[in-house]
Amino acid sequence: MTIPLIAQIFQDIDEAPHVDRLRVINRQSRGVFAPEGSLDGAHGLLAMSAQLNQIHDKIICRTIWLAEAELKKQGHLPPCAYTFVLFGSGGRSERSALSDQDNGIIYEDLAPERSQDTEQYFKKLGEAIEASLQAIGYPPCAGGVTCGQPAWRGPVAFWTNRLDKWSEAPIWEHARYMLIVADMRPVYGEGRLAAAVSDHFRTCLGGNSALVDAMRENVRYRKPGTGFFGNLLKIRYGEHAGGVEIKYALYIPLVNAVRLLTVVHGIEAISTIERIRQLEGAGILPRPFASLVLQRFAETIGLRAMIAADEWDRRLESSGIVKADRLTKRLQSQVKGCFSTAKKLHQFAQAQVKQMKQDDFP
């Protein structure tokens, strides 16, 4: 996308007077970033993804501003500083054109006598933001990780207490929550509040071998993308028969492996790209392998831009699948290369973390 065009989109977002206008802008932005037929040029694919995620961030921030303004009209002002945070692919700045909601709200700790009014304000704000984002085209994630849910909004102490609880009882579900927080990124408001929670996350992790092992188990499963002889495993039945599963067989295993390595080695980067670079810089990923992983991750970003959309209840959602009619021989060869690298990285991360001792954790 050219600089003038994306600058115009940014201006349109900043001037959007209501949610309906943001919905139109979001729809118009889809499809502009889809590569055609091949995955050549890692730099271009990553630049494409960066621009798309800047648009998503802009839309979300404008949505929050509009929700605040509406509450202000009703006589409700923010009672304290807060920050709006993203998790998942949003936190990692890796959303595709069709993205769902993974978000939360962190606000300042206040005296007990002010807590009830504060909770009521952020309940109204969180529910308004979630509903508005859904209307724009961002459905809530299946796991319910949204600011409209009380489990994902609260003061700093609420968040740090939950981190303590999860880390002290590292069952599978708690490890999953910790991994969600590992991808947290503030996009609106006072980022220092998110930084306080992230700092506490790293404190909880330090020396906690049981938690690290639970995290490893949490991401141990990898859906295979190729068969015993290296053949692509294609969808056998249904609307997308002949297509290839990208989300769960490729993207998620890559992201999980990189995140697991960075978490246990104390690397604070959030985006997968920066995590790979810092893993290389720290000598955790050998340079040639890190370069290959970065290349394959860029190609995976390109594949995610080709994923077909499914319509559910009059809204579009990502299927996670590249359809058969897009799988040229050249593209299939590139997909096989991505699957091979993802498998090697996944095995590397699992083996390394499993062998680590408590004294090895930062």
Protein backbone atom coordinates (compact mmCIF):
# COMPACT_ATOMS: atom_id res chain seq x y z
CA MET A 1 0.00 0.00 0.00
CA THR A 2 1.37 3.42 -0.94
CA ILE A 3 2.18 6.01 1.73
CA PRO A 4 -0.46 8.52 0.49
CA LEU A 5 -3.16 5.84 0.58
CA ILE A 6 -2.40 4.63 4.09
CA ALA A 7 -2.09 8.24 5.28
CA GLN A 8 -5.60 8.87 3.92
CA ILE A 9 -6.92 5.80 5.74
CA PHE A 10 -5.35 7.06 8.97
CA GLN A 11 -6.97 10.46 8.47
CA ASP A 12 -10.35 8.88 7.75
CA ILE A 13 -10.09 6.86 10.97
CA ASP A 14 -9.09 9.89 13.05
CA GLU A 15 -12.07 11.83 11.67
CA ALA A 16 -14.63 9.01 11.93
CA PRO A 17 -17.62 10.44 13.83
CA HIS A 18 -19.19 7.10 14.75
CA VAL A 19 -18.82 3.33 14.72
CA ASP A 20 -20.68 2.92 11.41
CA ARG A 21 -17.98 4.91 9.62
CA LEU A 22 -15.24 2.79 11.21
CA ARG A 23 -17.05 -0.35 10.03
CA VAL A 24 -16.93 0.92 6.44
CA ILE A 25 -13.23 1.78 6.71
CA ASN A 26 -12.47 -1.64 8.15
CA ARG A 27 -14.27 -3.38 5.28
CA GLN A 28 -12.58 -1.23 2.65
CA SER A 29 -9.16 -2.10 4.07
CA ARG A 30 -9.68 -5.87 3.67
CA GLY A 31 -8.17 -7.57 0.67
CA VAL A 32 -5.71 -4.76 -0.06
CA PHE A 33 -2.97 -6.67 1.69
CA ALA A 34 -3.43 -10.12 0.14
CA PRO A 35 -0.40 -11.33 -1.90
CA GLU A 36 -1.16 -12.97 -5.22
CA GLY A 37 0.09 -16.48 -5.91
CA SER A 38 3.50 -16.54 -4.24
CA LEU A 39 5.32 -15.51 -1.09
CA ASP A 40 8.32 -13.76 -2.63
CA GLY A 41 9.92 -10.94 -0.67
CA ALA A 42 9.98 -11.32 3.11
CA HIS A 43 10.51 -7.59 3.63
CA GLY A 44 7.41 -6.75 1.58
CA LEU A 45 5.26 -9.30 3.40
CA LEU A 46 6.31 -7.98 6.81
CA ALA A 47 5.79 -4.37 5.71
CA MET A 48 2.32 -5.31 4.47
CA SER A 49 1.50 -6.84 7.85
CA ALA A 50 2.87 -3.84 9.74
CA GLN A 51 0.65 -1.44 7.77
CA LEU A 52 -2.41 -3.59 8.28
CA ASN A 53 -1.80 -3.73 12.02
CA GLN A 54 -1.33 0.01 12.19
CA ILE A 55 -4.79 0.34 10.67
CA HIS A 56 -6.24 -2.10 13.22
CA ASP A 57 -4.61 -0.17 16.08
CA LYS A 58 -5.93 3.13 14.75
CA ILE A 59 -9.48 1.78 14.46
CA ILE A 60 -9.36 0.36 17.99
CA CYS A 61 -8.04 3.60 19.49
CA ARG A 62 -10.72 5.64 17.72
CA THR A 63 -13.34 3.20 18.99
CA ILE A 64 -12.16 3.71 22.57
CA TRP A 65 -12.18 7.49 22.12
CA LEU A 66 -15.75 7.37 20.81
CA ALA A 67 -16.84 5.15 23.72
CA GLU A 68 -15.26 7.58 26.19
CA ALA A 69 -16.98 10.51 24.49
CA GLU A 70 -20.38 8.82 24.66
CA LEU A 71 -19.97 8.13 28.38
CA LYS A 72 -18.91 11.73 28.88
CA LYS A 73 -22.18 12.87 27.28
CA GLN A 74 -23.95 10.77 29.90
CA GLY A 75 -22.00 12.50 32.67
CA HIS A 76 -19.41 9.76 33.23
CA LEU A 77 -15.72 10.68 33.24
CA PRO A 78 -12.77 8.30 33.68
CA PRO A 79 -12.20 8.15 37.45
CA CYS A 80 -8.48 7.40 37.06
CA ALA A 81 -5.76 6.58 34.58
CA TYR A 82 -6.14 3.37 32.62
CA THR A 83 -4.71 1.53 29.65
CA PHE A 84 -6.34 -0.63 27.01
CA VAL A 85 -4.28 -3.70 26.16
CA LEU A 86 -4.30 -6.26 23.37
CA PHE A 87 -3.46 -9.96 23.62
CA GLY A 88 -2.94 -12.70 21.04
CA SER A 89 -2.12 -11.69 17.49
CA GLY A 90 -3.16 -8.12 18.30
CA GLY A 91 -0.66 -7.94 21.13
CA ARG A 92 2.02 -9.31 18.81
CA SER A 93 0.98 -6.88 16.00
CA GLU A 94 0.26 -9.82 13.71
CA ARG A 95 -3.46 -9.57 12.99
CA SER A 96 -4.76 -10.58 9.58
CA ALA A 97 -7.49 -8.69 7.72
CA LEU A 98 -10.13 -10.73 9.58
CA SER A 99 -9.29 -10.37 13.25
CA ASP A 100 -11.21 -11.05 16.44
CA GLN A 101 -11.00 -9.40 19.85
CA ASP A 102 -8.46 -10.32 22.53
CA ASN A 103 -8.21 -7.36 24.89
CA GLY A 104 -8.47 -6.04 28.42
CA ILE A 105 -8.37 -2.94 30.61
CA ILE A 106 -5.91 -2.17 33.42
CA TYR A 107 -6.57 0.84 35.65
CA GLU A 108 -4.95 2.44 38.66
CA ASP A 109 -5.30 1.12 42.17
CA LEU A 110 -7.59 3.39 44.17
CA ALA A 111 -8.73 3.66 47.77
CA PRO A 112 -11.46 1.12 48.70
CA GLU A 113 -14.12 3.81 49.08
CA ARG A 114 -13.71 4.67 45.38
CA SER A 115 -13.57 1.12 44.07
CA GLN A 116 -17.30 0.60 43.44
CA ASP A 117 -17.77 3.74 41.31
CA THR A 118 -14.56 2.96 39.45
CA GLU A 119 -15.66 -0.59 38.71
CA GLN A 120 -18.99 0.67 37.41
CA TYR A 121 -17.34 3.13 35.03
CA PHE A 122 -14.98 0.57 33.54
CA LYS A 123 -17.79 -1.96 33.28
CA LYS A 124 -19.71 0.52 31.14
CA LEU A 125 -16.61 1.42 29.14
CA GLY A 126 -15.50 -2.18 28.61
CA GLU A 127 -18.91 -3.35 27.48
CA ALA A 128 -19.28 -0.34 25.16
CA ILE A 129 -15.88 -0.94 23.56
CA GLU A 130 -16.52 -4.65 23.08
CA ALA A 131 -19.93 -4.03 21.49
CA SER A 132 -18.55 -1.31 19.23
CA LEU A 133 -15.62 -3.41 18.05
CA GLN A 134 -17.99 -6.26 17.31
CA ALA A 135 -20.17 -3.92 15.23
CA ILE A 136 -17.08 -2.76 13.32
CA GLY A 137 -16.14 -6.32 12.43
CA TYR A 138 -14.05 -7.68 15.32
CA PRO A 139 -15.99 -10.55 16.92
CA PRO A 140 -15.10 -11.46 20.53
CA CYS A 141 -12.62 -14.32 20.75
CA ALA A 142 -14.04 -17.75 21.49
CA GLY A 143 -12.27 -17.85 24.85
CA GLY A 144 -13.98 -14.71 26.13
CA VAL A 145 -10.76 -12.70 26.57
CA THR A 146 -12.32 -9.26 26.15
CA CYS A 147 -12.62 -6.04 28.11
CA GLY A 148 -16.36 -6.58 28.38
CA GLN A 149 -15.75 -9.53 30.68
CA PRO A 150 -14.94 -8.84 34.37
CA ALA A 151 -12.10 -11.37 34.31
CA TRP A 152 -10.16 -9.18 31.86
CA ARG A 153 -10.49 -5.73 33.38
CA GLY A 154 -9.47 -4.42 36.77
CA PRO A 155 -6.90 -2.40 38.73
CA VAL A 156 -3.21 -3.26 38.76
CA ALA A 157 -3.58 -5.17 42.04
CA PHE A 158 -6.33 -7.31 40.52
CA TRP A 159 -4.02 -8.29 37.66
CA THR A 160 -0.98 -8.98 39.84
CA ASN A 161 -3.03 -11.06 42.26
CA ARG A 162 -4.28 -13.19 39.37
CA LEU A 163 -0.74 -13.67 38.12
CA ASP A 164 0.26 -14.84 41.61
CA LYS A 165 -2.63 -17.30 41.70
CA TRP A 166 -1.87 -18.72 38.26
CA SER A 167 1.85 -19.06 38.90
CA GLU A 168 1.40 -20.69 42.32
CA ALA A 169 -0.99 -23.30 40.91
CA PRO A 170 0.43 -23.97 37.41
CA ILE A 171 -2.28 -26.20 36.02
CA TRP A 172 -2.83 -26.30 32.24
CA GLU A 173 -5.48 -23.57 32.25
CA HIS A 174 -3.39 -21.22 34.39
CA ALA A 175 -0.38 -21.74 32.13
CA ARG A 176 -2.59 -20.78 29.20
CA TYR A 177 -3.57 -17.54 30.93
CA MET A 178 0.07 -16.74 31.66
CA LEU A 179 0.95 -17.25 28.00
CA ILE A 180 -1.89 -14.90 27.06
CA VAL A 181 -0.43 -12.20 29.31
CA ALA A 182 3.01 -12.78 27.78
CA ASP A 183 1.66 -11.26 24.54
CA MET A 184 0.11 -8.19 26.19
CA ARG A 185 0.65 -4.81 24.50
CA PRO A 186 -0.86 -1.44 25.52
CA VAL A 187 -2.35 0.62 22.68
CA TYR A 188 -4.32 3.35 24.47
CA GLY A 189 -3.93 5.25 27.73
CA GLU A 190 -1.20 4.94 30.35
CA GLY A 191 1.23 2.25 29.19
CA ARG A 192 3.02 2.34 32.57
CA LEU A 193 0.12 0.37 34.07
CA ALA A 194 0.64 -2.46 31.59
CA ALA A 195 4.39 -2.28 32.27
CA ALA A 196 3.74 -2.85 35.98
CA VAL A 197 1.73 -5.98 35.19
CA SER A 198 4.37 -7.22 32.74
CA ASP A 199 7.10 -6.71 35.34
CA HIS A 200 5.11 -8.76 37.83
CA PHE A 201 4.61 -11.46 35.20
CA ARG A 202 8.39 -11.84 34.87
CA THR A 203 8.76 -11.89 38.67
CA CYS A 204 6.25 -14.74 38.90
CA LEU A 205 8.08 -16.67 36.22
CA GLY A 206 11.56 -16.37 37.70
CA GLY A 207 12.73 -19.73 39.04
CA ASN A 208 9.28 -21.29 38.70
CA SER A 209 10.18 -24.52 36.93
CA ALA A 210 6.71 -26.02 37.49
CA LEU A 211 5.11 -23.08 35.68
CA VAL A 212 7.60 -23.25 32.82
CA ASP A 213 6.93 -26.96 32.44
CA ALA A 214 3.17 -26.29 32.41
CA MET A 215 3.69 -23.68 29.68
CA ARG A 216 5.70 -26.17 27.65
CA GLU A 217 2.96 -28.78 27.99
CA ASN A 218 0.36 -26.16 27.08
CA VAL A 219 1.91 -25.66 23.64
CA ARG A 220 3.30 -29.16 23.12
CA TYR A 221 0.66 -30.29 20.64
CA ARG A 222 1.29 -29.34 17.03
CA LYS A 223 -1.25 -30.14 14.34
CA PRO A 224 0.68 -31.80 11.49
CA GLY A 225 0.74 -30.08 8.12
CA THR A 226 2.55 -32.75 6.15
CA GLY A 227 2.40 -36.54 6.00
CA PHE A 228 5.11 -39.16 6.52
CA PHE A 229 6.47 -38.66 3.00
CA GLY A 230 6.40 -34.85 3.16
CA ASN A 231 3.10 -34.52 1.29
CA LEU A 232 0.75 -31.70 2.22
CA LEU A 233 -2.17 -32.83 4.38
CA LYS A 234 -5.16 -31.21 2.72
CA ILE A 235 -8.68 -30.68 3.98
CA ARG A 236 -10.65 -33.76 2.91
CA TYR A 237 -14.25 -32.70 3.23
CA GLY A 238 -16.54 -29.70 3.23
CA GLU A 239 -16.47 -26.25 1.69
CA HIS A 240 -12.68 -25.97 1.87
CA ALA A 241 -11.84 -29.49 0.62
CA GLY A 242 -8.42 -29.53 -1.02
CA GLY A 243 -7.23 -26.54 0.97
CA VAL A 244 -4.48 -26.42 3.59
CA GLU A 245 -4.85 -25.57 7.28
CA ILE A 246 -2.52 -22.65 8.03
CA LYS A 247 -3.63 -21.27 11.39
CA TYR A 248 -3.34 -24.36 13.58
CA ALA A 249 -0.81 -26.36 11.58
CA LEU A 250 1.65 -23.54 10.86
CA TYR A 251 1.08 -20.11 12.37
CA ILE A 252 0.18 -21.17 15.92
CA PRO A 253 3.07 -23.70 16.27
CA LEU A 254 5.56 -21.07 15.05
CA VAL A 255 4.24 -18.41 17.41
CA ASN A 256 4.06 -20.82 20.36
CA ALA A 257 7.63 -22.06 19.91
CA VAL A 258 9.09 -18.57 19.63
CA ARG A 259 7.09 -17.25 22.58
CA LEU A 260 8.03 -20.22 24.78
CA LEU A 261 11.74 -19.65 24.14
CA THR A 262 11.53 -15.92 24.82
CA VAL A 263 9.49 -16.33 28.00
CA VAL A 264 11.87 -18.82 29.61
CA HIS A 265 14.94 -16.82 28.58
CA GLY A 266 13.59 -13.51 29.91
CA ILE A 267 13.34 -11.77 26.54
CA GLU A 268 10.78 -8.96 26.74
CA ALA A 269 9.97 -8.48 23.04
CA ILE A 270 6.32 -9.02 22.11
CA SER A 271 6.16 -9.34 18.33
CA THR A 272 7.27 -12.68 16.92
CA ILE A 273 9.60 -10.93 14.48
CA GLU A 274 11.44 -9.07 17.24
CA ARG A 275 11.46 -12.16 19.43
CA ILE A 276 13.20 -14.16 16.69
CA ARG A 277 15.79 -11.41 16.25
CA GLN A 278 16.47 -11.20 19.98
CA LEU A 279 16.69 -14.99 20.29
CA GLU A 280 19.34 -14.88 17.59
CA GLY A 281 21.15 -11.99 19.27
CA ALA A 282 21.22 -13.89 22.57
CA GLY A 283 22.68 -16.96 20.87
CA ILE A 284 19.61 -19.08 21.66
CA LEU A 285 18.74 -19.61 18.00
CA PRO A 286 21.78 -20.27 15.79
CA ARG A 287 22.13 -17.52 13.17
CA PRO A 288 21.44 -19.58 10.03
CA PHE A 289 18.40 -21.21 11.65
CA ALA A 290 17.12 -17.87 12.97
CA SER A 291 17.36 -16.38 9.48
CA LEU A 292 15.40 -19.30 8.08
CA VAL A 293 12.75 -19.02 10.81
CA LEU A 294 12.37 -15.29 10.13
CA GLN A 295 11.99 -15.97 6.40
CA ARG A 296 9.41 -18.70 6.99
CA PHE A 297 7.52 -16.55 9.47
CA ALA A 298 7.28 -13.77 6.88
CA GLU A 299 5.94 -16.31 4.39
CA THR A 300 3.45 -17.50 7.00
CA ILE A 301 2.22 -13.92 7.37
CA GLY A 302 1.69 -13.92 3.61
CA LEU A 303 -0.23 -17.18 3.79
CA ARG A 304 -2.49 -15.79 6.50
CA ALA A 305 -3.38 -12.96 4.14
CA MET A 306 -4.59 -15.59 1.64
CA ILE A 307 -6.83 -17.41 4.12
CA ALA A 308 -10.45 -17.84 3.10
CA ALA A 309 -13.27 -16.22 5.03
CA ASP A 310 -16.30 -18.01 6.45
CA GLU A 311 -19.59 -16.27 7.09
CA TRP A 312 -21.21 -16.99 10.46
CA ASP A 313 -24.36 -15.25 11.63
CA ARG A 314 -23.91 -12.53 8.97
CA ARG A 315 -20.30 -11.79 9.90
CA LEU A 316 -17.03 -12.80 8.29
CA GLU A 317 -14.50 -14.84 10.24
CA SER A 318 -11.18 -16.37 9.25
CA SER A 319 -11.37 -20.05 8.29
CA GLY A 320 -7.66 -20.60 8.94
CA ILE A 321 -7.44 -22.34 5.55
CA VAL A 322 -5.88 -21.42 2.20
CA LYS A 323 -8.30 -22.68 -0.43
CA ALA A 324 -7.39 -25.23 -3.09
CA ASP A 325 -7.72 -22.80 -6.00
CA ARG A 326 -4.88 -20.68 -4.59
CA LEU A 327 -2.47 -23.57 -4.11
CA THR A 328 -0.30 -23.36 -7.21
CA LYS A 329 2.63 -25.79 -7.44
CA ARG A 330 5.00 -23.01 -6.48
CA LEU A 331 2.91 -21.99 -3.49
CA GLN A 332 2.59 -25.60 -2.34
CA SER A 333 6.38 -25.90 -2.38
CA GLN A 334 6.69 -22.76 -0.26
CA VAL A 335 4.04 -24.04 2.16
CA LYS A 336 5.93 -27.31 2.58
CA GLY A 337 9.07 -25.35 3.43
CA CYS A 338 7.15 -23.39 6.07
CA PHE A 339 5.75 -26.56 7.62
CA SER A 340 9.20 -28.14 7.74
CA THR A 341 10.74 -25.15 9.52
CA ALA A 342 7.82 -24.84 11.95
CA LYS A 343 8.19 -28.51 12.89
CA LYS A 344 11.95 -28.17 13.49
CA LEU A 345 11.50 -25.01 15.56
CA HIS A 346 8.71 -26.56 17.60
CA GLN A 347 10.86 -29.61 18.37
CA PHE A 348 13.85 -27.38 19.18
CA ALA A 349 11.87 -25.26 21.65
CA GLN A 350 10.23 -28.23 23.35
CA ALA A 351 13.54 -30.08 23.77
CA GLN A 352 15.47 -27.05 25.03
CA VAL A 353 12.89 -25.99 27.61
CA LYS A 354 12.39 -29.55 28.81
CA GLN A 355 16.12 -29.88 29.51
CA MET A 356 16.42 -26.59 31.37
CA LYS A 357 16.89 -26.68 35.13
CA GLN A 358 15.47 -24.25 37.64
CA ASP A 359 18.76 -22.37 37.92
CA ASP A 360 18.64 -21.68 34.18
CA PHE A 361 15.50 -19.53 34.40
CA PRO A 362 16.13 -15.77 34.59
